Amino acid sequence: MEKGRYVTRNLSVLRHVETIRLDSRRLDDLYRHLGRSRADDLLCAGMETLVRCLSQIERDQNAVQPDLLVQTAAELESTAEQIGLPLLRRVARNLQDAATCGDTVAIMAVCARLSRVGHQSLSAFWNSDGRAG
């Protein structure tokens, strides 16, 4: 049996297990180039942006306006890149692609994944105190 999957009476139930990693090199670079105070400020602002974008995407995912999703997902992608959350960046990019194509099923699936990965990323970030070392 595969990791994260089990079968119950002919019904497969998938467990979504994804490892969230902080890009320690990116975080180290931020602290080295900006100094502790400015890097802390940038990371806090980045986390606020992530929360706002994730909330906006949850509200907009059922709207018939994929342009809004593309715009918010692009901001999320950029912020995740800036503060060292590579998986979140990649999933935000996936949402932009699905919304650009107008694929409603893909949009809903990627939004569900983005919600999981986003919340796990926020937890991982705060649990690490946002510092790589």
C-alpha atoms as a PDB file:
ATOM      1  CA  MET A   1       0.000   0.000   0.000  1.00  0.00           C
ATOM      2  CA  GLU A   2       1.297   3.462  -0.903  1.00  0.00           C
ATOM      3  CA  LYS A   3       2.089   6.046   1.746  1.00  0.00           C
ATOM      4  CA  GLY A   4      -0.915   8.244   2.446  1.00  0.00           C
ATOM      5  CA  ARG A   5      -3.456   5.891   0.870  1.00  0.00           C
ATOM      6  CA  TYR A   6      -5.705   3.205   2.244  1.00  0.00           C
ATOM      7  CA  VAL A   7      -8.750   1.321   0.949  1.00  0.00           C
ATOM      8  CA  THR A   8     -12.068   0.993   2.766  1.00  0.00           C
ATOM      9  CA  ARG A   9     -14.642  -1.405   1.279  1.00  0.00           C
ATOM     10  CA  ASN A  10     -13.656  -0.836  -2.333  1.00  0.00           C
ATOM     11  CA  LEU A  11     -13.390   2.891  -1.790  1.00  0.00           C
ATOM     12  CA  SER A  12     -10.011   4.537  -2.045  1.00  0.00           C
ATOM     13  CA  VAL A  13      -9.414   7.355   0.373  1.00  0.00           C
ATOM     14  CA  LEU A  14      -6.458   9.559  -0.386  1.00  0.00           C
ATOM     15  CA  ARG A  15      -4.590  11.330   2.326  1.00  0.00           C
ATOM     16  CA  HIS A  16      -2.925  14.485   1.210  1.00  0.00           C
ATOM     17  CA  VAL A  17       0.597  14.282   2.582  1.00  0.00           C
ATOM     18  CA  GLU A  18       2.928  16.984   1.358  1.00  0.00           C
ATOM     19  CA  THR A  19       6.125  18.051   3.001  1.00  0.00           C
ATOM     20  CA  ILE A  20       6.357  21.775   3.466  1.00  0.00           C
ATOM     21  CA  ARG A  21       9.898  23.089   3.369  1.00  0.00           C
ATOM     22  CA  LEU A  22      11.213  26.548   3.939  1.00  0.00           C
ATOM     23  CA  ASP A  23      13.971  27.644   1.591  1.00  0.00           C
ATOM     24  CA  SER A  24      16.640  28.196   4.215  1.00  0.00           C
ATOM     25  CA  ARG A  25      19.039  29.635   1.649  1.00  0.00           C
ATOM     26  CA  ARG A  26      16.496  32.273   0.675  1.00  0.00           C
ATOM     27  CA  LEU A  27      15.835  33.165   4.310  1.00  0.00           C
ATOM     28  CA  ASP A  28      19.558  33.334   5.089  1.00  0.00           C
ATOM     29  CA  ASP A  29      20.034  35.668   2.112  1.00  0.00           C
ATOM     30  CA  LEU A  30      17.239  37.944   3.327  1.00  0.00           C
ATOM     31  CA  TYR A  31      18.764  38.256   6.775  1.00  0.00           C
ATOM     32  CA  ARG A  32      22.267  38.738   5.408  1.00  0.00           C
ATOM     33  CA  HIS A  33      21.294  41.431   2.876  1.00  0.00           C
ATOM     34  CA  LEU A  34      18.600  43.273   4.820  1.00  0.00           C
ATOM     35  CA  GLY A  35      19.649  42.804   8.422  1.00  0.00           C
ATOM     36  CA  ARG A  36      17.503  41.299  11.120  1.00  0.00           C
ATOM     37  CA  SER A  37      15.011  44.133  11.609  1.00  0.00           C
ATOM     38  CA  ARG A  38      14.277  44.766   7.925  1.00  0.00           C
ATOM     39  CA  ALA A  39      14.154  41.028   7.133  1.00  0.00           C
ATOM     40  CA  ASP A  40      11.707  40.463  10.005  1.00  0.00           C
ATOM     41  CA  ASP A  41       9.553  43.317   8.692  1.00  0.00           C
ATOM     42  CA  LEU A  42       9.620  41.900   5.159  1.00  0.00           C
ATOM     43  CA  LEU A  43       8.712  38.411   6.368  1.00  0.00           C
ATOM     44  CA  CYS A  44       5.841  39.685   8.517  1.00  0.00           C
ATOM     45  CA  ALA A  45       4.486  41.724   5.618  1.00  0.00           C
ATOM     46  CA  GLY A  46       4.882  38.674   3.382  1.00  0.00           C
ATOM     47  CA  MET A  47       2.922  36.488   5.777  1.00  0.00           C
ATOM     48  CA  GLU A  48       0.139  39.078   5.924  1.00  0.00           C
ATOM     49  CA  THR A  49       0.054  39.109   2.121  1.00  0.00           C
ATOM     50  CA  LEU A  50      -0.144  35.305   2.027  1.00  0.00           C
ATOM     51  CA  VAL A  51      -3.088  35.276   4.441  1.00  0.00           C
ATOM     52  CA  ARG A  52      -4.883  37.982   2.452  1.00  0.00           C
ATOM     53  CA  CYS A  53      -4.278  36.223  -0.881  1.00  0.00           C
ATOM     54  CA  LEU A  54      -5.378  32.818   0.426  1.00  0.00           C
ATOM     55  CA  SER A  55      -8.572  34.364   1.825  1.00  0.00           C
ATOM     56  CA  GLN A  56      -9.235  36.205  -1.426  1.00  0.00           C
ATOM     57  CA  ILE A  57      -8.744  33.041  -3.481  1.00  0.00           C
ATOM     58  CA  GLU A  58     -11.153  31.124  -1.229  1.00  0.00           C
ATOM     59  CA  ARG A  59     -13.761  33.838  -1.827  1.00  0.00           C
ATOM     60  CA  ASP A  60     -13.130  34.099  -5.591  1.00  0.00           C
ATOM     61  CA  GLN A  61     -12.816  30.424  -6.524  1.00  0.00           C
ATOM     62  CA  ASN A  62     -16.533  30.062  -7.244  1.00  0.00           C
ATOM     63  CA  ALA A  63     -16.796  33.359  -9.102  1.00  0.00           C
ATOM     64  CA  VAL A  64     -16.932  33.310 -12.852  1.00  0.00           C
ATOM     65  CA  GLN A  65     -13.989  35.694 -13.043  1.00  0.00           C
ATOM     66  CA  PRO A  66     -10.792  33.705 -13.553  1.00  0.00           C
ATOM     67  CA  ASP A  67      -8.868  36.957 -14.074  1.00  0.00           C
ATOM     68  CA  LEU A  68      -9.243  37.715 -10.363  1.00  0.00           C
ATOM     69  CA  LEU A  69      -7.812  34.297  -9.489  1.00  0.00           C
ATOM     70  CA  VAL A  70      -4.904  34.770 -11.884  1.00  0.00           C
ATOM     71  CA  GLN A  71      -4.091  38.189 -10.398  1.00  0.00           C
ATOM     72  CA  THR A  72      -4.271  37.049  -6.766  1.00  0.00           C
ATOM     73  CA  ALA A  73      -2.402  33.799  -7.467  1.00  0.00           C
ATOM     74  CA  ALA A  74       0.364  35.804  -9.184  1.00  0.00           C
ATOM     75  CA  GLU A  75       0.741  37.975  -6.081  1.00  0.00           C
ATOM     76  CA  LEU A  76       0.767  34.846  -3.918  1.00  0.00           C
ATOM     77  CA  GLU A  77       3.406  33.230  -6.140  1.00  0.00           C
ATOM     78  CA  SER A  78       5.636  36.297  -5.976  1.00  0.00           C
ATOM     79  CA  THR A  79       5.342  36.608  -2.211  1.00  0.00           C
ATOM     80  CA  ALA A  80       5.959  32.896  -1.618  1.00  0.00           C
ATOM     81  CA  GLU A  81       9.087  33.128  -3.770  1.00  0.00           C
ATOM     82  CA  GLN A  82      10.276  36.199  -1.896  1.00  0.00           C
ATOM     83  CA  ILE A  83       9.950  34.638   1.567  1.00  0.00           C
ATOM     84  CA  GLY A  84      11.153  31.137   0.733  1.00  0.00           C
ATOM     85  CA  LEU A  85       8.064  28.922   0.367  1.00  0.00           C
ATOM     86  CA  PRO A  86       8.758  27.001  -2.868  1.00  0.00           C
ATOM     87  CA  LEU A  87       5.857  24.531  -2.767  1.00  0.00           C
ATOM     88  CA  LEU A  88       3.342  27.298  -2.151  1.00  0.00           C
ATOM     89  CA  ARG A  89       4.886  29.258  -5.031  1.00  0.00           C
ATOM     90  CA  ARG A  90       4.522  26.273  -7.353  1.00  0.00           C
ATOM     91  CA  VAL A  91       0.872  25.618  -6.409  1.00  0.00           C
ATOM     92  CA  ALA A  92       0.038  29.311  -6.874  1.00  0.00           C
ATOM     93  CA  ARG A  93       1.555  29.033 -10.363  1.00  0.00           C
ATOM     94  CA  ASN A  94      -0.616  25.956 -11.019  1.00  0.00           C
ATOM     95  CA  LEU A  95      -3.699  27.992 -10.110  1.00  0.00           C
ATOM     96  CA  GLN A  96      -2.726  30.719 -12.558  1.00  0.00           C
ATOM     97  CA  ASP A  97      -2.394  28.115 -15.309  1.00  0.00           C
ATOM     98  CA  ALA A  98      -5.759  26.487 -14.524  1.00  0.00           C
ATOM     99  CA  ALA A  99      -7.554  29.834 -14.304  1.00  0.00           C
ATOM    100  CA  THR A 100      -5.977  31.076 -17.539  1.00  0.00           C
ATOM    101  CA  CYS A 101      -7.291  27.959 -19.300  1.00  0.00           C
ATOM    102  CA  GLY A 102     -10.713  28.411 -17.692  1.00  0.00           C
ATOM    103  CA  ASP A 103     -10.757  24.791 -16.514  1.00  0.00           C
ATOM    104  CA  THR A 104     -13.307  24.885 -13.685  1.00  0.00           C
ATOM    105  CA  VAL A 105     -12.559  21.384 -12.399  1.00  0.00           C
ATOM    106  CA  ALA A 106      -8.821  22.082 -12.338  1.00  0.00           C
ATOM    107  CA  ILE A 107      -9.426  25.433 -10.640  1.00  0.00           C
ATOM    108  CA  MET A 108     -11.409  23.780  -7.851  1.00  0.00           C
ATOM    109  CA  ALA A 109      -8.832  21.018  -7.402  1.00  0.00           C
ATOM    110  CA  VAL A 110      -5.887  23.421  -7.342  1.00  0.00           C
ATOM    111  CA  CYS A 111      -7.738  25.773  -4.969  1.00  0.00           C
ATOM    112  CA  ALA A 112      -8.263  22.870  -2.558  1.00  0.00           C
ATOM    113  CA  ARG A 113      -4.574  21.984  -2.765  1.00  0.00           C
ATOM    114  CA  LEU A 114      -3.590  25.640  -2.423  1.00  0.00           C
ATOM    115  CA  SER A 115      -5.676  25.937   0.733  1.00  0.00           C
ATOM    116  CA  ARG A 116      -4.005  22.864   2.274  1.00  0.00           C
ATOM    117  CA  VAL A 117      -0.484  23.846   1.236  1.00  0.00           C
ATOM    118  CA  GLY A 118      -1.065  27.485   2.180  1.00  0.00           C
ATOM    119  CA  HIS A 119      -2.226  26.715   5.698  1.00  0.00           C
ATOM    120  CA  GLN A 120       0.531  24.143   6.191  1.00  0.00           C
ATOM    121  CA  SER A 121       3.086  26.674   4.922  1.00  0.00           C
ATOM    122  CA  LEU A 122       1.863  29.320   7.339  1.00  0.00           C
ATOM    123  CA  SER A 123       2.112  26.837  10.211  1.00  0.00           C
ATOM    124  CA  ALA A 124       5.569  25.671   9.164  1.00  0.00           C
ATOM    125  CA  PHE A 125       6.751  29.244   8.869  1.00  0.00           C
ATOM    126  CA  TRP A 126       5.457  30.363  12.262  1.00  0.00           C
ATOM    127  CA  ASN A 127       6.658  27.168  13.961  1.00  0.00           C
ATOM    128  CA  SER A 128      10.153  27.834  12.626  1.00  0.00           C
ATOM    129  CA  ASP A 129       9.973  31.464  13.811  1.00  0.00           C
ATOM    130  CA  GLY A 130      10.622  32.397  10.157  1.00  0.00           C
ATOM    131  CA  ARG A 131      14.360  32.031  10.473  1.00  0.00           C
ATOM    132  CA  ALA A 132      16.559  29.565   8.697  1.00  0.00           C
ATOM    133  CA  GLY A 133      19.283  29.594  11.194  1.00  0.00           C
END
